[in-house]
C-alpha atoms as a PDB file:
ATOM      1  CA  MET A   1       0.000   0.000   0.000  1.00  0.00           C
ATOM      2  CA  SER A   2       1.180   3.466  -0.667  1.00  0.00           C
ATOM      3  CA  ASP A   3       0.940   6.406   1.626  1.00  0.00           C
ATOM      4  CA  ASP A   4      -0.441   8.540  -1.164  1.00  0.00           C
ATOM      5  CA  ARG A   5      -3.578  10.296  -0.028  1.00  0.00           C
ATOM      6  CA  PHE A   6      -4.932  10.793  -3.531  1.00  0.00           C
ATOM      7  CA  LEU A   7      -8.424   9.499  -2.766  1.00  0.00           C
ATOM      8  CA  ASP A   8      -8.653  11.610   0.375  1.00  0.00           C
ATOM      9  CA  ARG A   9      -7.664  14.727  -1.578  1.00  0.00           C
ATOM     10  CA  LEU A  10     -10.117  13.814  -4.348  1.00  0.00           C
ATOM     11  CA  ARG A  11     -12.958  13.465  -1.846  1.00  0.00           C
ATOM     12  CA  ALA A  12     -12.079  16.765  -0.248  1.00  0.00           C
ATOM     13  CA  ASP A  13     -11.961  18.546  -3.599  1.00  0.00           C
ATOM     14  CA  ALA A  14     -15.232  16.968  -4.741  1.00  0.00           C
ATOM     15  CA  ARG A  15     -17.055  17.876  -1.545  1.00  0.00           C
ATOM     16  CA  SER A  16     -17.924  21.303  -2.968  1.00  0.00           C
ATOM     17  CA  LEU A  17     -19.503  19.656  -6.037  1.00  0.00           C
ATOM     18  CA  ARG A  18     -21.994  17.557  -4.091  1.00  0.00           C
ATOM     19  CA  TYR A  19     -25.661  18.278  -4.592  1.00  0.00           C
ATOM     20  CA  GLU A  20     -27.311  19.334  -1.396  1.00  0.00           C
ATOM     21  CA  VAL A  21     -31.105  19.399  -1.439  1.00  0.00           C
ATOM     22  CA  ASP A  22     -32.510  22.728  -0.379  1.00  0.00           C
ATOM     23  CA  PRO A  23     -35.717  22.926   1.701  1.00  0.00           C
ATOM     24  CA  VAL A  24     -37.845  24.140  -1.233  1.00  0.00           C
ATOM     25  CA  THR A  25     -36.913  21.153  -3.393  1.00  0.00           C
ATOM     26  CA  SER A  26     -37.487  18.679  -0.606  1.00  0.00           C
ATOM     27  CA  THR A  27     -40.921  20.216   0.086  1.00  0.00           C
ATOM     28  CA  ARG A  28     -41.889  19.969  -3.585  1.00  0.00           C
ATOM     29  CA  LEU A  29     -40.710  16.371  -3.759  1.00  0.00           C
ATOM     30  CA  ALA A  30     -42.698  15.446  -0.656  1.00  0.00           C
ATOM     31  CA  ALA A  31     -45.826  17.142  -2.050  1.00  0.00           C
ATOM     32  CA  ARG A  32     -45.483  15.287  -5.352  1.00  0.00           C
ATOM     33  CA  ILE A  33     -45.143  11.943  -3.562  1.00  0.00           C
ATOM     34  CA  ARG A  34     -48.163  12.707  -1.362  1.00  0.00           C
ATOM     35  CA  SER A  35     -50.289  13.674  -4.366  1.00  0.00           C
ATOM     36  CA  ARG A  36     -49.524  10.365  -6.069  1.00  0.00           C
ATOM     37  CA  LEU A  37     -50.435   8.387  -2.969  1.00  0.00           C
ATOM     38  CA  THR A  38     -53.916   9.882  -2.639  1.00  0.00           C
ATOM     39  CA  GLU A  39     -56.729   8.291  -4.614  1.00  0.00           C
ATOM     40  CA  PRO A  40     -58.305  10.402  -7.357  1.00  0.00           C
ATOM     41  CA  THR A  41     -61.761  11.846  -6.941  1.00  0.00           C
ATOM     42  CA  ILE A  42     -64.619  10.781  -9.200  1.00  0.00           C
ATOM     43  CA  SER A  43     -64.222  13.837 -11.430  1.00  0.00           C
ATOM     44  CA  GLU A  44     -60.468  13.237 -11.791  1.00  0.00           C
ATOM     45  CA  PHE A  45     -61.114   9.593 -12.612  1.00  0.00           C
ATOM     46  CA  ILE A  46     -63.693  10.476 -15.288  1.00  0.00           C
ATOM     47  CA  ALA A  47     -61.427  13.175 -16.749  1.00  0.00           C
ATOM     48  CA  ALA A  48     -58.519  10.735 -16.943  1.00  0.00           C
ATOM     49  CA  TRP A  49     -60.617   8.316 -19.017  1.00  0.00           C
ATOM     50  CA  PHE A  50     -62.577  10.874 -21.036  1.00  0.00           C
ATOM     51  CA  ARG A  51     -59.583  12.578 -22.652  1.00  0.00           C
ATOM     52  CA  PRO A  52     -58.161   9.445 -24.328  1.00  0.00           C
ATOM     53  CA  LEU A  53     -61.667   8.317 -25.294  1.00  0.00           C
ATOM     54  CA  ALA A  54     -62.428  11.684 -26.901  1.00  0.00           C
ATOM     55  CA  ALA A  55     -59.094  11.637 -28.745  1.00  0.00           C
ATOM     56  CA  SER A  56     -59.759   8.116 -30.050  1.00  0.00           C
ATOM     57  CA  LEU A  57     -63.245   9.003 -31.250  1.00  0.00           C
ATOM     58  CA  SER A  58     -61.927  12.162 -32.914  1.00  0.00           C
ATOM     59  CA  ALA A  59     -59.268  10.142 -34.740  1.00  0.00           C
ATOM     60  CA  LEU A  60     -61.906   7.624 -35.828  1.00  0.00           C
ATOM     61  CA  ALA A  61     -64.154  10.405 -37.145  1.00  0.00           C
ATOM     62  CA  LEU A  62     -61.233  11.920 -39.050  1.00  0.00           C
ATOM     63  CA  ILE A  63     -60.367   8.564 -40.628  1.00  0.00           C
ATOM     64  CA  ALA A  64     -64.014   8.000 -41.567  1.00  0.00           C
ATOM     65  CA  GLY A  65     -64.222  11.450 -43.162  1.00  0.00           C
ATOM     66  CA  ILE A  66     -61.071  10.860 -45.181  1.00  0.00           C
ATOM     67  CA  GLY A  67     -62.340   7.428 -46.228  1.00  0.00           C
ATOM     68  CA  ILE A  68     -65.671   8.813 -47.403  1.00  0.00           C
ATOM     69  CA  ALA A  69     -63.899  11.560 -49.331  1.00  0.00           C
ATOM     70  CA  LEU A  70     -61.656   9.017 -51.047  1.00  0.00           C
ATOM     71  CA  LEU A  71     -64.581   6.716 -51.877  1.00  0.00           C
ATOM     72  CA  ASN A  72     -66.553   9.545 -53.415  1.00  0.00           C
ATOM     73  CA  ARG A  73     -63.606  10.495 -55.600  1.00  0.00           C
ATOM     74  CA  ASP A  74     -63.929   7.214 -57.544  1.00  0.00           C
ATOM     75  CA  GLN A  75     -67.531   7.996 -58.521  1.00  0.00           C
ATOM     76  CA  PRO A  76     -68.280   9.786 -61.809  1.00  0.00           C
ATOM     77  CA  VAL A  77     -68.290  13.521 -61.316  1.00  0.00           C
ATOM     78  CA  ALA A  78     -70.512  14.765 -64.132  1.00  0.00           C
ATOM     79  CA  ILE A  79     -74.184  13.847 -64.048  1.00  0.00           C
ATOM     80  CA  GLY A  80     -74.462  13.580 -67.832  1.00  0.00           C
ATOM     81  CA  ASP A  81     -71.690  10.984 -68.202  1.00  0.00           C
ATOM     82  CA  PRO A  82     -73.086   7.558 -69.068  1.00  0.00           C
ATOM     83  CA  ILE A  83     -72.261   4.711 -66.720  1.00  0.00           C
ATOM     84  CA  GLN A  84     -71.569   1.339 -68.292  1.00  0.00           C
ATOM     85  CA  TYR A  85     -72.216  -1.951 -66.545  1.00  0.00           C
ATOM     86  CA  THR A  86     -71.218  -5.300 -67.996  1.00  0.00           C
ATOM     87  CA  VAL A  87     -73.145  -8.348 -66.767  1.00  0.00           C
ATOM     88  CA  ALA A  88     -72.694 -11.797 -68.308  1.00  0.00           C
ATOM     89  CA  GLY A  89     -71.095 -10.312 -71.413  1.00  0.00           C
ATOM     90  CA  ASP A  90     -73.853  -7.766 -72.038  1.00  0.00           C
ATOM     91  CA  THR A  91     -73.054  -4.064 -71.674  1.00  0.00           C
ATOM     92  CA  TYR A  92     -75.702  -1.739 -70.263  1.00  0.00           C
ATOM     93  CA  ASN A  93     -75.510   2.058 -70.401  1.00  0.00           C
ATOM     94  CA  VAL A  94     -77.208   3.973 -67.616  1.00  0.00           C
ATOM     95  CA  GLY A  95     -77.795   7.683 -67.810  1.00  0.00           C
ATOM     96  CA  GLU A  96     -78.212   8.108 -71.562  1.00  0.00           C
END
């Protein structure tokens, strides 16, 4: 073993770099822990479930709207254009 006190000097120099918790931070931390330990009220419980449900339904409505818009794009635009249907080899014109 050596008599070098390197680790002791390193600890002494690093002592000023240590993080000391101030009273304000410790109070905030304690309040946050206490708030998580309490059970939510009925209104908080409903709000926690309503937000994701509303977001999901909004996304579903948006997808449905886009789908309807894309389906309607495939339909003939002009009313006067004839529509042709072929059934069993026979061609029928509708709208003439």
